[in-house]
Amino acid sequence: MTDWKYTYKRRGWNLQAVYNGLQERTWECFQKWHSDRGISCPDKALFDEVNKPAIAKPEKKTTKPPAKKTTARKTTTRKTTRKRTQAKGTASEDRQKK
């Protein structure tokens, strides 16, 4: 049997990855996984550390940045310019009236 530290280092494994790959996350299943592969099993204390549920971190309150002030564009549309010229009359109509 090869040492588990050697195999883990050589293959780039860690306890968390092996634990996450188990179908049943129990000590017996963890031992069986190692024995099937001919690897010595890590101590139960290491398994218990990995087996502990993760401590929930307090959630950060997300604050939205203040909204940017936007100014509306004041543009003249073609319709408004037409209305002004129609009210005044066109230059050709002014010539005909004279």
C-alpha atoms as a PDB file:
ATOM      1  CA  MET A   1       0.000   0.000   0.000  1.00  0.00           C
ATOM      2  CA  THR A   2       1.219   3.450  -0.860  1.00  0.00           C
ATOM      3  CA  ASP A   3       1.063   6.336   1.534  1.00  0.00           C
ATOM      4  CA  TRP A   4      -1.944   8.582   1.048  1.00  0.00           C
ATOM      5  CA  LYS A   5       0.171  11.777   1.322  1.00  0.00           C
ATOM      6  CA  TYR A   6       2.428  10.624  -1.516  1.00  0.00           C
ATOM      7  CA  THR A   7      -0.488   9.688  -3.776  1.00  0.00           C
ATOM      8  CA  TYR A   8      -2.429  12.869  -3.050  1.00  0.00           C
ATOM      9  CA  LYS A   9       0.609  15.045  -3.773  1.00  0.00           C
ATOM     10  CA  ARG A  10       1.581  13.125  -6.915  1.00  0.00           C
ATOM     11  CA  ARG A  11      -1.927  13.254  -8.410  1.00  0.00           C
ATOM     12  CA  GLY A  12      -2.832  16.734  -7.203  1.00  0.00           C
ATOM     13  CA  TRP A  13      -5.641  15.471  -4.988  1.00  0.00           C
ATOM     14  CA  ASN A  14      -6.795  16.883  -1.674  1.00  0.00           C
ATOM     15  CA  LEU A  15      -9.078  15.550   1.046  1.00  0.00           C
ATOM     16  CA  GLN A  16     -11.955  17.844   0.065  1.00  0.00           C
ATOM     17  CA  ALA A  17     -11.898  16.677  -3.567  1.00  0.00           C
ATOM     18  CA  VAL A  18     -11.856  12.996  -2.584  1.00  0.00           C
ATOM     19  CA  TYR A  19     -14.636  13.594  -0.051  1.00  0.00           C
ATOM     20  CA  ASN A  20     -16.780  15.391  -2.632  1.00  0.00           C
ATOM     21  CA  GLY A  21     -16.297  12.499  -5.074  1.00  0.00           C
ATOM     22  CA  LEU A  22     -17.740   9.890  -2.709  1.00  0.00           C
ATOM     23  CA  GLN A  23     -21.250   8.632  -3.324  1.00  0.00           C
ATOM     24  CA  GLU A  24     -21.882   8.168   0.375  1.00  0.00           C
ATOM     25  CA  ARG A  25     -19.984  10.599   2.547  1.00  0.00           C
ATOM     26  CA  THR A  26     -19.265   8.261   5.448  1.00  0.00           C
ATOM     27  CA  TRP A  27     -16.064   7.127   7.147  1.00  0.00           C
ATOM     28  CA  GLU A  28     -16.609   3.539   5.993  1.00  0.00           C
ATOM     29  CA  CYS A  29     -17.053   4.589   2.380  1.00  0.00           C
ATOM     30  CA  PHE A  30     -13.959   6.813   2.666  1.00  0.00           C
ATOM     31  CA  GLN A  31     -11.917   3.866   3.952  1.00  0.00           C
ATOM     32  CA  LYS A  32     -13.253   1.550   1.254  1.00  0.00           C
ATOM     33  CA  TRP A  33     -12.396   4.058  -1.477  1.00  0.00           C
ATOM     34  CA  HIS A  34      -8.775   4.152  -0.326  1.00  0.00           C
ATOM     35  CA  SER A  35      -8.440   0.392   0.138  1.00  0.00           C
ATOM     36  CA  ASP A  36      -9.881  -0.279  -3.351  1.00  0.00           C
ATOM     37  CA  ARG A  37      -7.093   1.864  -4.813  1.00  0.00           C
ATOM     38  CA  GLY A  38      -4.304   0.443  -2.634  1.00  0.00           C
ATOM     39  CA  ILE A  39      -3.757   3.669  -0.724  1.00  0.00           C
ATOM     40  CA  SER A  40      -3.363   3.957   3.026  1.00  0.00           C
ATOM     41  CA  CYS A  41      -6.290   5.850   4.558  1.00  0.00           C
ATOM     42  CA  PRO A  42      -5.831   9.234   6.290  1.00  0.00           C
ATOM     43  CA  ASP A  43      -6.716   9.550   9.991  1.00  0.00           C
ATOM     44  CA  LYS A  44     -10.337   9.814  11.039  1.00  0.00           C
ATOM     45  CA  ALA A  45      -9.587  13.258  12.525  1.00  0.00           C
ATOM     46  CA  LEU A  46      -8.763  14.580   9.038  1.00  0.00           C
ATOM     47  CA  PHE A  47     -11.933  13.047   7.668  1.00  0.00           C
ATOM     48  CA  ASP A  48     -13.961  14.644  10.471  1.00  0.00           C
ATOM     49  CA  GLU A  49     -12.517  18.073   9.619  1.00  0.00           C
ATOM     50  CA  VAL A  50     -13.624  17.709   6.009  1.00  0.00           C
ATOM     51  CA  ASN A  51     -16.962  16.232   7.074  1.00  0.00           C
ATOM     52  CA  LYS A  52     -17.891  19.250   9.215  1.00  0.00           C
ATOM     53  CA  PRO A  53     -20.559  21.416   7.640  1.00  0.00           C
ATOM     54  CA  ALA A  54     -19.201  24.690   6.415  1.00  0.00           C
ATOM     55  CA  ILE A  55     -19.783  27.585   8.754  1.00  0.00           C
ATOM     56  CA  ALA A  56     -22.112  30.007   7.077  1.00  0.00           C
ATOM     57  CA  LYS A  57     -20.509  33.370   6.508  1.00  0.00           C
ATOM     58  CA  PRO A  58     -22.677  36.390   7.179  1.00  0.00           C
ATOM     59  CA  GLU A  59     -23.999  37.789   3.955  1.00  0.00           C
ATOM     60  CA  LYS A  60     -22.762  41.166   2.941  1.00  0.00           C
ATOM     61  CA  LYS A  61     -25.414  43.770   2.418  1.00  0.00           C
ATOM     62  CA  THR A  62     -25.248  44.956  -1.118  1.00  0.00           C
ATOM     63  CA  THR A  63     -26.009  48.593  -1.582  1.00  0.00           C
ATOM     64  CA  LYS A  64     -26.756  50.014  -4.943  1.00  0.00           C
ATOM     65  CA  PRO A  65     -24.776  53.061  -5.972  1.00  0.00           C
ATOM     66  CA  PRO A  66     -26.844  56.244  -6.171  1.00  0.00           C
ATOM     67  CA  ALA A  67     -28.570  56.720  -9.490  1.00  0.00           C
ATOM     68  CA  LYS A  68     -26.918  59.127 -11.862  1.00  0.00           C
ATOM     69  CA  LYS A  69     -28.832  62.242 -12.681  1.00  0.00           C
ATOM     70  CA  THR A  70     -29.703  62.373 -16.325  1.00  0.00           C
ATOM     71  CA  THR A  71     -30.986  65.371 -18.165  1.00  0.00           C
ATOM     72  CA  ALA A  72     -33.533  64.987 -20.881  1.00  0.00           C
ATOM     73  CA  ARG A  73     -32.521  66.367 -24.219  1.00  0.00           C
ATOM     74  CA  LYS A  74     -34.652  69.138 -25.501  1.00  0.00           C
ATOM     75  CA  THR A  75     -34.680  68.789 -29.232  1.00  0.00           C
ATOM     76  CA  THR A  76     -37.027  70.207 -31.751  1.00  0.00           C
ATOM     77  CA  THR A  77     -38.728  67.705 -33.913  1.00  0.00           C
ATOM     78  CA  ARG A  78     -39.610  68.236 -37.483  1.00  0.00           C
ATOM     79  CA  LYS A  79     -43.294  68.429 -36.572  1.00  0.00           C
ATOM     80  CA  THR A  80     -42.799  71.437 -34.323  1.00  0.00           C
ATOM     81  CA  THR A  81     -40.820  73.297 -36.946  1.00  0.00           C
ATOM     82  CA  ARG A  82     -43.524  72.610 -39.540  1.00  0.00           C
ATOM     83  CA  LYS A  83     -46.219  73.973 -37.287  1.00  0.00           C
ATOM     84  CA  ARG A  84     -44.298  77.214 -36.801  1.00  0.00           C
ATOM     85  CA  THR A  85     -43.728  77.731 -40.506  1.00  0.00           C
ATOM     86  CA  GLN A  86     -47.321  76.866 -41.397  1.00  0.00           C
ATOM     87  CA  ALA A  87     -48.662  79.392 -38.948  1.00  0.00           C
ATOM     88  CA  LYS A  88     -46.442  82.110 -40.344  1.00  0.00           C
ATOM     89  CA  GLY A  89     -46.857  81.043 -43.923  1.00  0.00           C
ATOM     90  CA  THR A  90     -44.217  80.219 -46.443  1.00  0.00           C
ATOM     91  CA  ALA A  91     -42.239  82.704 -48.458  1.00  0.00           C
ATOM     92  CA  SER A  92     -43.975  81.722 -51.706  1.00  0.00           C
ATOM     93  CA  GLU A  93     -47.415  82.330 -50.174  1.00  0.00           C
ATOM     94  CA  ASP A  94     -46.310  85.742 -48.948  1.00  0.00           C
ATOM     95  CA  ARG A  95     -45.257  86.700 -52.515  1.00  0.00           C
ATOM     96  CA  GLN A  96     -48.567  85.575 -53.969  1.00  0.00           C
ATOM     97  CA  LYS A  97     -50.564  87.659 -51.482  1.00  0.00           C
ATOM     98  CA  LYS A  98     -48.763  90.857 -52.511  1.00  0.00           C
END
